[in-house]
Amino acid sequence: MEPNETDEAAVTRELVEETGLSVTVGRLVGSVERPAPNGVFLIFDYECQVTSGVLRAGDDASDVAWVDSATLATLQTAPGLLEALSDWNCLPRA
């Protein structure tokens, strides 16, 4: 996040930068803590509705795709991601 930036502004900015998509930010669905060099990263995940743009990988990803739950289950993901998405009722539909 940038100094004095709201969560909504940060989510909107990051999604454009990293995916090419403009969104309307909705409700907070969950949060996690991850280790960081000088403490922890607090990560807040929000429900979003795409309003425009074309999905593309940003500069820190080699690929990006919309996937269903069967395909997601075959992908390598960060530890705990699928459990968190399941707990938050945010897994993709079949």
N, C-alpha and C. Protein backbone atom coordinates (compact mmCIF):
# COMPACT_ATOMS: atom_id res chain seq x y z
N MET A 1 0.84 -1.18 0.00
CA MET A 1 0.00 0.00 0.00
C MET A 1 0.88 1.24 0.00
N GLU A 2 0.38 2.26 -0.64
CA GLU A 2 1.05 3.55 -0.64
C GLU A 2 0.67 4.31 0.63
N PRO A 3 1.51 5.27 1.07
CA PRO A 3 1.15 6.06 2.25
C PRO A 3 -0.22 6.71 2.10
N ASN A 4 -1.03 6.64 3.14
CA ASN A 4 -2.37 7.22 3.20
C ASN A 4 -3.36 6.62 2.21
N GLU A 5 -3.04 5.46 1.62
CA GLU A 5 -3.93 4.81 0.66
C GLU A 5 -4.93 3.93 1.41
N THR A 6 -6.20 3.99 1.03
CA THR A 6 -7.21 3.12 1.62
C THR A 6 -7.09 1.72 1.04
N ASP A 7 -7.68 0.74 1.74
CA ASP A 7 -7.70 -0.61 1.20
C ASP A 7 -8.35 -0.63 -0.18
N GLU A 8 -9.49 0.04 -0.32
CA GLU A 8 -10.20 0.05 -1.59
C GLU A 8 -9.33 0.62 -2.72
N ALA A 9 -8.65 1.71 -2.46
CA ALA A 9 -7.78 2.30 -3.48
C ALA A 9 -6.61 1.37 -3.82
N ALA A 10 -6.03 0.73 -2.81
CA ALA A 10 -4.91 -0.19 -3.03
C ALA A 10 -5.34 -1.39 -3.86
N VAL A 11 -6.49 -1.98 -3.53
CA VAL A 11 -7.00 -3.13 -4.28
C VAL A 11 -7.25 -2.73 -5.73
N THR A 12 -7.90 -1.61 -5.93
CA THR A 12 -8.20 -1.13 -7.28
C THR A 12 -6.91 -0.92 -8.08
N ARG A 13 -5.95 -0.23 -7.50
CA ARG A 13 -4.68 0.05 -8.17
C ARG A 13 -3.91 -1.22 -8.48
N GLU A 14 -3.78 -2.10 -7.48
CA GLU A 14 -3.00 -3.33 -7.66
C GLU A 14 -3.62 -4.24 -8.71
N LEU A 15 -4.95 -4.33 -8.73
CA LEU A 15 -5.57 -5.21 -9.73
C LEU A 15 -5.35 -4.70 -11.15
N VAL A 16 -5.42 -3.40 -11.35
CA VAL A 16 -5.12 -2.86 -12.68
C VAL A 16 -3.67 -3.16 -13.04
N GLU A 17 -2.75 -2.89 -12.11
CA GLU A 17 -1.32 -3.09 -12.38
C GLU A 17 -0.98 -4.56 -12.64
N GLU A 18 -1.54 -5.46 -11.85
CA GLU A 18 -1.14 -6.87 -11.90
C GLU A 18 -2.00 -7.76 -12.79
N THR A 19 -3.21 -7.30 -13.16
CA THR A 19 -4.08 -8.16 -13.98
C THR A 19 -4.67 -7.46 -15.19
N GLY A 20 -4.58 -6.13 -15.25
CA GLY A 20 -5.20 -5.39 -16.35
C GLY A 20 -6.68 -5.16 -16.16
N LEU A 21 -7.23 -5.57 -15.03
CA LEU A 21 -8.67 -5.48 -14.80
C LEU A 21 -9.03 -4.31 -13.88
N SER A 22 -10.07 -3.59 -14.26
CA SER A 22 -10.66 -2.59 -13.37
C SER A 22 -11.80 -3.26 -12.63
N VAL A 23 -11.94 -2.94 -11.34
CA VAL A 23 -12.94 -3.60 -10.50
C VAL A 23 -13.68 -2.62 -9.62
N THR A 24 -14.83 -3.07 -9.15
CA THR A 24 -15.51 -2.44 -8.04
C THR A 24 -15.21 -3.31 -6.83
N VAL A 25 -14.65 -2.71 -5.80
CA VAL A 25 -14.27 -3.46 -4.60
C VAL A 25 -15.49 -3.65 -3.71
N GLY A 26 -15.69 -4.88 -3.28
CA GLY A 26 -16.82 -5.22 -2.41
C GLY A 26 -16.38 -5.49 -0.99
N ARG A 27 -17.04 -6.44 -0.36
CA ARG A 27 -16.84 -6.74 1.06
C ARG A 27 -15.51 -7.45 1.32
N LEU A 28 -14.99 -7.26 2.51
CA LEU A 28 -13.82 -8.00 2.99
C LEU A 28 -14.26 -9.44 3.21
N VAL A 29 -13.56 -10.41 2.58
CA VAL A 29 -13.94 -11.81 2.74
C VAL A 29 -13.05 -12.55 3.73
N GLY A 30 -11.84 -12.03 3.97
CA GLY A 30 -10.96 -12.68 4.92
C GLY A 30 -9.61 -12.02 4.97
N SER A 31 -8.79 -12.48 5.90
CA SER A 31 -7.44 -11.94 6.04
C SER A 31 -6.51 -13.04 6.51
N VAL A 32 -5.22 -12.86 6.19
CA VAL A 32 -4.18 -13.79 6.61
C VAL A 32 -2.94 -13.00 6.98
N GLU A 33 -2.07 -13.64 7.74
CA GLU A 33 -0.76 -13.08 8.07
C GLU A 33 0.29 -13.98 7.45
N ARG A 34 1.31 -13.38 6.84
CA ARG A 34 2.42 -14.13 6.26
C ARG A 34 3.72 -13.54 6.78
N PRO A 35 4.73 -14.39 7.01
CA PRO A 35 6.02 -13.89 7.49
C PRO A 35 6.63 -12.89 6.50
N ALA A 36 7.28 -11.89 7.04
CA ALA A 36 7.98 -10.88 6.26
C ALA A 36 9.36 -10.69 6.86
N PRO A 37 10.30 -10.11 6.12
CA PRO A 37 11.66 -9.94 6.65
C PRO A 37 11.72 -9.23 8.00
N ASN A 38 10.83 -8.26 8.23
CA ASN A 38 10.86 -7.50 9.48
C ASN A 38 9.54 -7.59 10.25
N GLY A 39 8.92 -8.76 10.27
CA GLY A 39 7.65 -8.92 10.97
C GLY A 39 6.70 -9.80 10.18
N VAL A 40 5.50 -9.27 9.93
CA VAL A 40 4.51 -10.02 9.15
C VAL A 40 3.83 -9.10 8.14
N PHE A 41 3.37 -9.71 7.05
CA PHE A 41 2.50 -9.01 6.11
C PHE A 41 1.07 -9.32 6.53
N LEU A 42 0.25 -8.31 6.66
CA LEU A 42 -1.19 -8.50 6.87
C LEU A 42 -1.84 -8.38 5.51
N ILE A 43 -2.53 -9.43 5.09
CA ILE A 43 -3.16 -9.47 3.77
C ILE A 43 -4.67 -9.52 3.96
N PHE A 44 -5.35 -8.55 3.36
CA PHE A 44 -6.80 -8.48 3.43
C PHE A 44 -7.35 -8.77 2.04
N ASP A 45 -8.25 -9.75 1.93
CA ASP A 45 -8.81 -10.15 0.65
C ASP A 45 -10.26 -9.67 0.53
N TYR A 46 -10.54 -9.06 -0.61
CA TYR A 46 -11.85 -8.46 -0.86
C TYR A 46 -12.53 -9.12 -2.05
N GLU A 47 -13.83 -9.20 -1.97
CA GLU A 47 -14.65 -9.62 -3.10
C GLU A 47 -14.64 -8.46 -4.09
N CYS A 48 -14.47 -8.74 -5.38
CA CYS A 48 -14.45 -7.68 -6.39
C CYS A 48 -15.28 -8.09 -7.60
N GLN A 49 -15.82 -7.10 -8.26
CA GLN A 49 -16.58 -7.30 -9.51
C GLN A 49 -15.80 -6.62 -10.63
N VAL A 50 -15.44 -7.38 -11.67
CA VAL A 50 -14.73 -6.80 -12.81
C VAL A 50 -15.67 -5.87 -13.56
N THR A 51 -15.19 -4.67 -13.85
CA THR A 51 -15.99 -3.70 -14.60
C THR A 51 -15.44 -3.45 -16.01
N SER A 52 -14.14 -3.68 -16.21
CA SER A 52 -13.56 -3.53 -17.55
C SER A 52 -12.15 -4.07 -17.54
N GLY A 53 -11.55 -4.11 -18.73
CA GLY A 53 -10.17 -4.56 -18.88
C GLY A 53 -10.09 -5.92 -19.53
N VAL A 54 -8.86 -6.28 -19.86
CA VAL A 54 -8.56 -7.59 -20.45
C VAL A 54 -7.55 -8.27 -19.53
N LEU A 55 -7.87 -9.47 -19.09
CA LEU A 55 -7.01 -10.21 -18.17
C LEU A 55 -5.65 -10.46 -18.80
N ARG A 56 -4.58 -10.06 -18.07
CA ARG A 56 -3.21 -10.27 -18.52
C ARG A 56 -2.32 -10.41 -17.30
N ALA A 57 -1.20 -11.09 -17.47
CA ALA A 57 -0.24 -11.26 -16.37
C ALA A 57 0.56 -9.98 -16.19
N GLY A 58 0.70 -9.54 -14.94
CA GLY A 58 1.51 -8.37 -14.63
C GLY A 58 2.99 -8.73 -14.66
N ASP A 59 3.83 -7.80 -14.24
CA ASP A 59 5.28 -8.00 -14.35
C ASP A 59 5.84 -9.02 -13.36
N ASP A 60 5.06 -9.45 -12.38
CA ASP A 60 5.56 -10.43 -11.42
C ASP A 60 4.92 -11.80 -11.58
N ALA A 61 4.30 -12.05 -12.74
CA ALA A 61 3.67 -13.35 -13.00
C ALA A 61 3.98 -13.79 -14.43
N SER A 62 4.09 -15.09 -14.62
CA SER A 62 4.36 -15.60 -15.96
C SER A 62 3.07 -15.93 -16.71
N ASP A 63 1.96 -16.09 -15.98
CA ASP A 63 0.70 -16.45 -16.63
C ASP A 63 -0.45 -16.07 -15.71
N VAL A 64 -1.64 -15.98 -16.30
CA VAL A 64 -2.85 -15.68 -15.56
C VAL A 64 -4.02 -16.32 -16.29
N ALA A 65 -5.03 -16.77 -15.56
CA ALA A 65 -6.18 -17.41 -16.20
C ALA A 65 -7.36 -17.45 -15.23
N TRP A 66 -8.57 -17.45 -15.79
CA TRP A 66 -9.76 -17.75 -15.02
C TRP A 66 -9.88 -19.26 -15.01
N VAL A 67 -10.10 -19.86 -13.85
CA VAL A 67 -10.20 -21.32 -13.77
C VAL A 67 -11.40 -21.75 -12.94
N ASP A 68 -11.88 -22.95 -13.24
CA ASP A 68 -12.95 -23.53 -12.42
C ASP A 68 -12.32 -24.31 -11.28
N SER A 69 -13.14 -24.86 -10.40
CA SER A 69 -12.62 -25.53 -9.20
C SER A 69 -11.80 -26.76 -9.55
N ALA A 70 -12.18 -27.51 -10.58
CA ALA A 70 -11.42 -28.71 -10.96
C ALA A 70 -10.02 -28.34 -11.44
N THR A 71 -9.90 -27.30 -12.22
CA THR A 71 -8.59 -26.86 -12.70
C THR A 71 -7.77 -26.29 -11.55
N LEU A 72 -8.39 -25.51 -10.68
CA LEU A 72 -7.67 -24.94 -9.54
C LEU A 72 -7.04 -26.04 -8.69
N ALA A 73 -7.74 -27.14 -8.53
CA ALA A 73 -7.23 -28.24 -7.71
C ALA A 73 -5.96 -28.86 -8.29
N THR A 74 -5.69 -28.65 -9.57
CA THR A 74 -4.50 -29.23 -10.20
C THR A 74 -3.30 -28.28 -10.18
N LEU A 75 -3.50 -27.03 -9.77
CA LEU A 75 -2.45 -26.03 -9.83
C LEU A 75 -1.64 -25.97 -8.54
N GLN A 76 -0.37 -25.61 -8.66
CA GLN A 76 0.45 -25.38 -7.49
C GLN A 76 0.04 -24.03 -6.89
N THR A 77 -0.31 -24.03 -5.60
CA THR A 77 -0.75 -22.81 -4.94
C THR A 77 0.04 -22.61 -3.65
N ALA A 78 -0.03 -21.41 -3.12
CA ALA A 78 0.64 -21.12 -1.85
C ALA A 78 0.03 -21.98 -0.74
N PRO A 79 0.86 -22.39 0.22
CA PRO A 79 0.34 -23.18 1.35
C PRO A 79 -0.82 -22.46 2.04
N GLY A 80 -1.90 -23.19 2.25
CA GLY A 80 -3.06 -22.66 2.96
C GLY A 80 -4.04 -21.88 2.10
N LEU A 81 -3.70 -21.61 0.83
CA LEU A 81 -4.60 -20.80 0.00
C LEU A 81 -5.96 -21.46 -0.20
N LEU A 82 -5.97 -22.72 -0.61
CA LEU A 82 -7.26 -23.38 -0.88
C LEU A 82 -8.10 -23.51 0.38
N GLU A 83 -7.46 -23.76 1.52
CA GLU A 83 -8.20 -23.85 2.78
C GLU A 83 -8.82 -22.50 3.13
N ALA A 84 -8.07 -21.42 2.95
CA ALA A 84 -8.60 -20.09 3.25
C ALA A 84 -9.76 -19.76 2.32
N LEU A 85 -9.60 -20.01 1.03
CA LEU A 85 -10.68 -19.72 0.08
C LEU A 85 -11.93 -20.54 0.40
N SER A 86 -11.72 -21.77 0.82
CA SER A 86 -12.86 -22.62 1.20
C SER A 86 -13.55 -22.06 2.45
N ASP A 87 -12.76 -21.69 3.47
CA ASP A 87 -13.32 -21.13 4.70
C ASP A 87 -14.12 -19.86 4.42
N TRP A 88 -13.66 -19.06 3.44
CA TRP A 88 -14.30 -17.79 3.11
C TRP A 88 -15.42 -17.95 2.07
N ASN A 89 -15.69 -19.21 1.67
CA ASN A 89 -16.70 -19.49 0.64
C ASN A 89 -16.39 -18.75 -0.66
N CYS A 90 -15.11 -18.79 -1.07
CA CYS A 90 -14.66 -18.06 -2.25
C CYS A 90 -14.00 -18.93 -3.30
N LEU A 91 -14.19 -20.24 -3.24
CA LEU A 91 -13.65 -21.10 -4.28
C LEU A 91 -14.46 -20.92 -5.55
N PRO A 92 -13.81 -21.10 -6.72
CA PRO A 92 -14.57 -20.98 -7.97
C PRO A 92 -15.60 -22.09 -8.08
N ARG A 93 -16.63 -21.82 -8.84
CA ARG A 93 -17.68 -22.80 -9.08
C ARG A 93 -17.16 -23.88 -10.04
N ALA A 94 -17.78 -25.03 -9.99
CA ALA A 94 -17.41 -26.14 -10.88
C ALA A 94 -17.72 -25.79 -12.32
